[in-house]
Protein backbone atom coordinates (compact mmCIF):
# COMPACT_ATOMS: atom_id res chain seq x y z
CA MET A 1 -15.43 18.40 1.13
CA THR A 2 -16.08 14.85 2.35
CA THR A 3 -13.68 13.18 4.74
CA LEU A 4 -13.47 9.45 5.31
CA VAL A 5 -12.88 8.56 8.94
CA ILE A 6 -11.90 4.97 9.67
CA ASP A 7 -11.99 3.53 13.16
CA SER A 8 -8.77 1.53 13.11
CA ALA A 9 -9.67 -0.66 16.15
CA ALA A 10 -13.03 -1.67 14.69
CA SER A 11 -11.65 -2.17 11.20
CA ARG A 12 -8.95 -4.68 12.01
CA ALA A 13 -8.96 -7.87 10.02
CA THR A 14 -9.95 -11.05 11.84
CA ALA A 15 -10.26 -13.51 8.93
CA VAL A 16 -9.21 -13.71 5.27
CA ARG A 17 -10.60 -15.81 2.46
CA LEU A 18 -9.75 -15.82 -1.20
CA THR A 19 -11.86 -17.16 -4.02
CA ALA A 20 -10.71 -17.48 -7.63
CA ASP A 21 -11.43 -13.77 -8.17
CA THR A 22 -12.14 -12.09 -4.80
CA LEU A 23 -10.34 -11.13 -1.60
CA VAL A 24 -12.78 -11.34 1.36
CA VAL A 25 -11.81 -9.89 4.76
CA ASP A 26 -13.85 -10.10 7.96
CA LEU A 27 -13.39 -7.14 10.31
CA ALA A 28 -13.48 -6.91 14.13
CA ASP A 29 -16.71 -4.89 14.05
CA GLY A 30 -18.57 -7.63 12.14
CA ARG A 31 -18.35 -6.16 8.66
CA THR A 32 -17.08 -8.18 5.71
CA VAL A 33 -15.24 -6.46 2.86
CA SER A 34 -14.91 -8.02 -0.61
CA VAL A 35 -12.51 -6.70 -3.21
CA PRO A 36 -11.84 -8.09 -6.71
CA LEU A 37 -8.41 -9.75 -6.96
CA ALA A 38 -7.88 -7.67 -10.09
CA CYS A 39 -7.15 -4.81 -7.65
CA TYR A 40 -4.14 -6.78 -6.35
CA PRO A 41 -2.22 -8.19 -9.34
CA LEU A 42 0.29 -10.11 -7.18
CA LEU A 43 -2.50 -11.98 -5.43
CA LEU A 44 -4.20 -12.58 -8.78
CA GLN A 45 -1.04 -14.25 -10.02
CA GLY A 46 -0.63 -16.38 -6.89
CA SER A 47 -1.32 -20.08 -6.64
CA PRO A 48 -3.91 -21.31 -4.14
CA ASP A 49 -1.07 -22.37 -1.80
CA GLU A 50 0.63 -18.97 -2.06
CA ARG A 51 -2.66 -17.17 -1.41
CA ALA A 52 -3.37 -19.39 1.59
CA ASN A 53 -0.08 -18.50 3.22
CA HIS A 54 -0.82 -15.14 4.81
CA ARG A 55 -0.50 -13.47 8.22
CA PHE A 56 -1.93 -10.39 9.85
CA ILE A 57 0.37 -7.42 10.34
CA GLY A 58 -0.07 -4.50 12.76
CA GLN A 59 -2.60 -6.39 14.85
CA GLY A 60 -4.91 -6.85 11.87
CA GLU A 61 -4.34 -3.44 10.22
CA GLY A 62 -3.08 -5.31 7.19
CA ILE A 63 -2.40 -8.70 5.66
CA HIS A 64 0.95 -10.00 4.37
CA TRP A 65 1.50 -12.79 1.85
CA PRO A 66 5.19 -13.72 2.20
CA ASP A 67 5.32 -16.05 -0.83
CA LEU A 68 4.09 -13.22 -3.04
CA ASP A 69 5.68 -10.29 -1.21
CA GLU A 70 2.28 -8.58 -1.07
CA ASP A 71 0.84 -6.40 1.66
CA VAL A 72 -2.75 -5.16 1.75
CA SER A 73 -3.95 -2.58 4.25
CA VAL A 74 -7.51 -2.78 5.58
CA GLU A 75 -7.72 1.01 5.51
CA ASN A 76 -6.90 1.08 1.81
CA MET A 77 -9.45 -1.67 1.10
CA LEU A 78 -12.15 0.35 2.91
CA ALA A 79 -11.14 3.50 1.01
CA GLY A 80 -11.36 1.62 -2.32
CA LYS A 81 -7.66 1.99 -3.11
CA ALA A 82 -6.22 -0.73 -5.34
CA SER A 83 -2.63 -1.90 -5.17
CA GLY A 84 -0.02 0.74 -5.82
CA GLU A 85 2.05 -1.75 -7.84
CA GLY A 86 3.47 0.09 -10.83
CA SER A 87 3.84 -1.44 -14.28
CA LYS A 88 7.65 -1.68 -14.18
CA SER A 89 7.66 -3.15 -10.70
CA PHE A 90 4.98 -5.68 -11.67
CA GLU A 91 6.95 -6.68 -14.78
CA ARG A 92 10.11 -7.19 -12.71
CA TRP A 93 8.12 -9.28 -10.18
CA LEU A 94 6.64 -11.42 -12.99
CA ALA A 95 10.08 -11.96 -14.59
CA ALA A 96 11.63 -12.98 -11.24
CA ARG A 97 8.65 -15.25 -10.53
CA SER A 98 8.84 -16.86 -13.98
CA SER A 99 12.55 -17.62 -13.67
CA ARG A 100 12.07 -18.94 -10.12
CA LEU A 101 9.05 -21.12 -10.96
CA GLY A 102 9.88 -21.82 -14.56
CA SER A 103 6.42 -20.78 -15.65
CA ILE A 104 4.82 -18.22 -17.91
CA PRO A 105 2.81 -15.47 -16.18
CA LYS A 106 -1.00 -15.76 -16.35
CA VAL A 107 -1.95 -12.15 -17.11
CA ASN A 108 -0.67 -8.59 -17.35
CA ASN A 109 -1.17 -6.03 -14.59
CA PRO A 110 -4.91 -5.29 -14.68
CA ALA A 111 -4.31 -1.94 -12.92
CA ASP A 112 -2.89 -0.52 -16.15
């Protein structure tokens, strides 16, 4: 059996960048992790301004986007775990977002 051991101090986020389709996180130990935004449907739906508004949580153990109500843990990124957002939850989020913004959602949940 293989066990993944993650050094939490070394794997704390120090910088975050988002492209049109990728979440890029720099870590304290010098590594850079890139993950497709398709793994995080709320980020994928976000506008550039919403994606730019983020803060570190837990001294860099995770990243929070308050405008999107999205949290991403560095440990889960390193382990290759996508968002745990379920279909029903995602649909409710899209409906609330649409009525708040008066817009039509861009895509369905790619995790399904």
